[in-house]
Amino acid sequence: MAEEKEDIVLYMTTISSNLDVKKKCTKIDVIMASVTNTHNLIKKDVSIPGGLAAMRETLKDPKALPPQFYSDKFGHLGGYDLFENAVEDGQLLDFLKKEYTFEG
């Protein structure tokens, strides 16, 4: 019997004048494609009306900006910088289980 995939919510934006944010979201898409056998990436666009407020409420962080990762099972996983550090350290799956801490 196949193991059930874990849902990971990516709070992102499709409308941004900030090229850096767009690049980060694109990089996340490419990297997360490598774990589609264990995780479902659910994208939530915070650029829709009320989207940013809903993300901040879910994360319990009134200053959070996209991109951010969230899991119903583990809570707020972190933002792009922590994600990128986990990828560089070869610890992406630990990041997705909230078991990764950056010590750099």
C-alpha atoms as a PDB file:
ATOM      1  CA  MET A   1       0.000   0.000   0.000  1.00  0.00           C
ATOM      2  CA  ALA A   2       1.394   3.394  -0.987  1.00  0.00           C
ATOM      3  CA  GLU A   3       2.127   5.907   1.739  1.00  0.00           C
ATOM      4  CA  GLU A   4      -0.068   9.006   1.725  1.00  0.00           C
ATOM      5  CA  LYS A   5       1.584  12.180   0.462  1.00  0.00           C
ATOM      6  CA  GLU A   6       2.063  15.093   2.853  1.00  0.00           C
ATOM      7  CA  ASP A   7       0.472  18.391   1.802  1.00  0.00           C
ATOM      8  CA  ILE A   8       2.755  21.425   1.867  1.00  0.00           C
ATOM      9  CA  VAL A   9       1.194  24.849   1.339  1.00  0.00           C
ATOM     10  CA  LEU A  10       3.317  27.413  -0.474  1.00  0.00           C
ATOM     11  CA  TYR A  11       2.093  30.931   0.107  1.00  0.00           C
ATOM     12  CA  MET A  12       3.321  32.801  -2.948  1.00  0.00           C
ATOM     13  CA  THR A  13       2.370  35.609  -5.268  1.00  0.00           C
ATOM     14  CA  THR A  14       1.811  35.736  -8.993  1.00  0.00           C
ATOM     15  CA  ILE A  15       1.580  39.507  -9.074  1.00  0.00           C
ATOM     16  CA  SER A  16       4.683  41.303  -7.880  1.00  0.00           C
ATOM     17  CA  SER A  17       6.796  44.115  -9.179  1.00  0.00           C
ATOM     18  CA  ASN A  18       9.660  42.548  -7.235  1.00  0.00           C
ATOM     19  CA  LEU A  19      11.654  40.336  -9.620  1.00  0.00           C
ATOM     20  CA  ASP A  20      13.440  38.692  -6.679  1.00  0.00           C
ATOM     21  CA  VAL A  21      10.151  37.329  -5.295  1.00  0.00           C
ATOM     22  CA  LYS A  22       9.204  35.948  -8.718  1.00  0.00           C
ATOM     23  CA  LYS A  23      12.612  34.231  -9.037  1.00  0.00           C
ATOM     24  CA  LYS A  24      12.257  32.691  -5.591  1.00  0.00           C
ATOM     25  CA  CYS A  25       8.820  31.283  -6.419  1.00  0.00           C
ATOM     26  CA  THR A  26      10.120  29.829  -9.688  1.00  0.00           C
ATOM     27  CA  LYS A  27      13.092  28.212  -7.932  1.00  0.00           C
ATOM     28  CA  ILE A  28      10.765  26.696  -5.330  1.00  0.00           C
ATOM     29  CA  ASP A  29       8.631  25.166  -8.111  1.00  0.00           C
ATOM     30  CA  VAL A  30      11.679  23.559  -9.717  1.00  0.00           C
ATOM     31  CA  ILE A  31      13.064  22.169  -6.453  1.00  0.00           C
ATOM     32  CA  MET A  32       9.736  20.945  -5.101  1.00  0.00           C
ATOM     33  CA  ALA A  33       9.206  18.961  -8.308  1.00  0.00           C
ATOM     34  CA  SER A  34      11.890  16.610  -6.942  1.00  0.00           C
ATOM     35  CA  VAL A  35       9.693  15.542  -4.002  1.00  0.00           C
ATOM     36  CA  THR A  36       6.354  15.045  -5.743  1.00  0.00           C
ATOM     37  CA  ASN A  37       6.421  11.356  -4.803  1.00  0.00           C
ATOM     38  CA  THR A  38       6.246  12.234  -1.072  1.00  0.00           C
ATOM     39  CA  HIS A  39       4.674  15.702  -0.948  1.00  0.00           C
ATOM     40  CA  ASN A  40       1.852  17.619  -2.631  1.00  0.00           C
ATOM     41  CA  LEU A  41       2.664  21.288  -3.164  1.00  0.00           C
ATOM     42  CA  ILE A  42      -0.464  23.395  -2.777  1.00  0.00           C
ATOM     43  CA  LYS A  43       0.037  26.946  -3.992  1.00  0.00           C
ATOM     44  CA  LYS A  44      -1.962  29.744  -2.414  1.00  0.00           C
ATOM     45  CA  ASP A  45      -1.679  33.098  -4.120  1.00  0.00           C
ATOM     46  CA  VAL A  46      -1.538  35.906  -1.554  1.00  0.00           C
ATOM     47  CA  SER A  47      -2.053  38.541  -4.249  1.00  0.00           C
ATOM     48  CA  ILE A  48      -5.784  37.793  -4.350  1.00  0.00           C
ATOM     49  CA  PRO A  49      -7.980  39.999  -2.126  1.00  0.00           C
ATOM     50  CA  GLY A  50      -7.533  38.945   1.501  1.00  0.00           C
ATOM     51  CA  GLY A  51      -4.772  36.495   0.625  1.00  0.00           C
ATOM     52  CA  LEU A  52      -1.943  38.211   2.486  1.00  0.00           C
ATOM     53  CA  ALA A  53      -4.047  38.677   5.623  1.00  0.00           C
ATOM     54  CA  ALA A  54      -5.132  35.022   5.522  1.00  0.00           C
ATOM     55  CA  MET A  55      -1.505  33.867   5.205  1.00  0.00           C
ATOM     56  CA  ARG A  56      -0.403  36.040   8.113  1.00  0.00           C
ATOM     57  CA  GLU A  57      -3.263  34.778  10.254  1.00  0.00           C
ATOM     58  CA  THR A  58      -2.456  31.136   9.463  1.00  0.00           C
ATOM     59  CA  LEU A  59       1.252  31.634  10.169  1.00  0.00           C
ATOM     60  CA  LYS A  60       0.505  33.759  13.249  1.00  0.00           C
ATOM     61  CA  ASP A  61       3.014  36.304  11.951  1.00  0.00           C
ATOM     62  CA  PRO A  62       1.628  39.780  11.171  1.00  0.00           C
ATOM     63  CA  LYS A  63       4.733  40.718   9.167  1.00  0.00           C
ATOM     64  CA  ALA A  64       5.223  37.556   7.068  1.00  0.00           C
ATOM     65  CA  LEU A  65       5.854  38.047   3.353  1.00  0.00           C
ATOM     66  CA  PRO A  66       5.729  35.435   0.606  1.00  0.00           C
ATOM     67  CA  PRO A  67       7.063  32.951  -0.156  1.00  0.00           C
ATOM     68  CA  GLN A  68       6.299  30.953   3.006  1.00  0.00           C
ATOM     69  CA  PHE A  69       5.786  27.228   3.646  1.00  0.00           C
ATOM     70  CA  TYR A  70       3.101  25.713   5.861  1.00  0.00           C
ATOM     71  CA  SER A  71       1.969  22.218   6.797  1.00  0.00           C
ATOM     72  CA  ASP A  72      -1.269  21.342   8.603  1.00  0.00           C
ATOM     73  CA  LYS A  73       0.698  18.613  10.382  1.00  0.00           C
ATOM     74  CA  PHE A  74       3.768  20.657  11.400  1.00  0.00           C
ATOM     75  CA  GLY A  75       2.644  24.303  11.200  1.00  0.00           C
ATOM     76  CA  HIS A  76       4.786  27.103   9.770  1.00  0.00           C
ATOM     77  CA  LEU A  77       7.855  25.523   8.188  1.00  0.00           C
ATOM     78  CA  GLY A  78       9.667  28.738   7.294  1.00  0.00           C
ATOM     79  CA  GLY A  79      10.321  31.150   4.509  1.00  0.00           C
ATOM     80  CA  TYR A  80      12.507  31.148   1.455  1.00  0.00           C
ATOM     81  CA  ASP A  81      15.857  31.670   3.218  1.00  0.00           C
ATOM     82  CA  LEU A  82      15.423  28.643   5.467  1.00  0.00           C
ATOM     83  CA  PHE A  83      14.176  26.607   2.488  1.00  0.00           C
ATOM     84  CA  GLU A  84      17.228  27.582   0.430  1.00  0.00           C
ATOM     85  CA  ASN A  85      19.618  26.737   3.278  1.00  0.00           C
ATOM     86  CA  ALA A  86      17.973  23.331   3.709  1.00  0.00           C
ATOM     87  CA  VAL A  87      18.305  22.627  -0.015  1.00  0.00           C
ATOM     88  CA  GLU A  88      21.982  23.652   0.001  1.00  0.00           C
ATOM     89  CA  ASP A  89      22.571  21.414   3.043  1.00  0.00           C
ATOM     90  CA  GLY A  90      20.807  18.476   1.358  1.00  0.00           C
ATOM     91  CA  GLN A  91      18.097  18.545   4.037  1.00  0.00           C
ATOM     92  CA  LEU A  92      14.957  19.415   2.062  1.00  0.00           C
ATOM     93  CA  LEU A  93      12.908  16.527   3.464  1.00  0.00           C
ATOM     94  CA  ASP A  94      13.895  17.516   7.014  1.00  0.00           C
ATOM     95  CA  PHE A  95      12.762  21.088   6.271  1.00  0.00           C
ATOM     96  CA  LEU A  96       9.403  19.765   5.068  1.00  0.00           C
ATOM     97  CA  LYS A  97       8.974  17.922   8.408  1.00  0.00           C
ATOM     98  CA  LYS A  98      10.105  20.926  10.486  1.00  0.00           C
ATOM     99  CA  GLU A  99      13.199  18.997  11.570  1.00  0.00           C
ATOM    100  CA  TYR A 100      15.751  21.296   9.959  1.00  0.00           C
ATOM    101  CA  THR A 101      17.551  24.092  11.762  1.00  0.00           C
ATOM    102  CA  PHE A 102      20.123  26.259  10.061  1.00  0.00           C
ATOM    103  CA  GLU A 103      23.394  26.509  11.930  1.00  0.00           C
ATOM    104  CA  GLY A 104      25.391  28.579   9.465  1.00  0.00           C
END
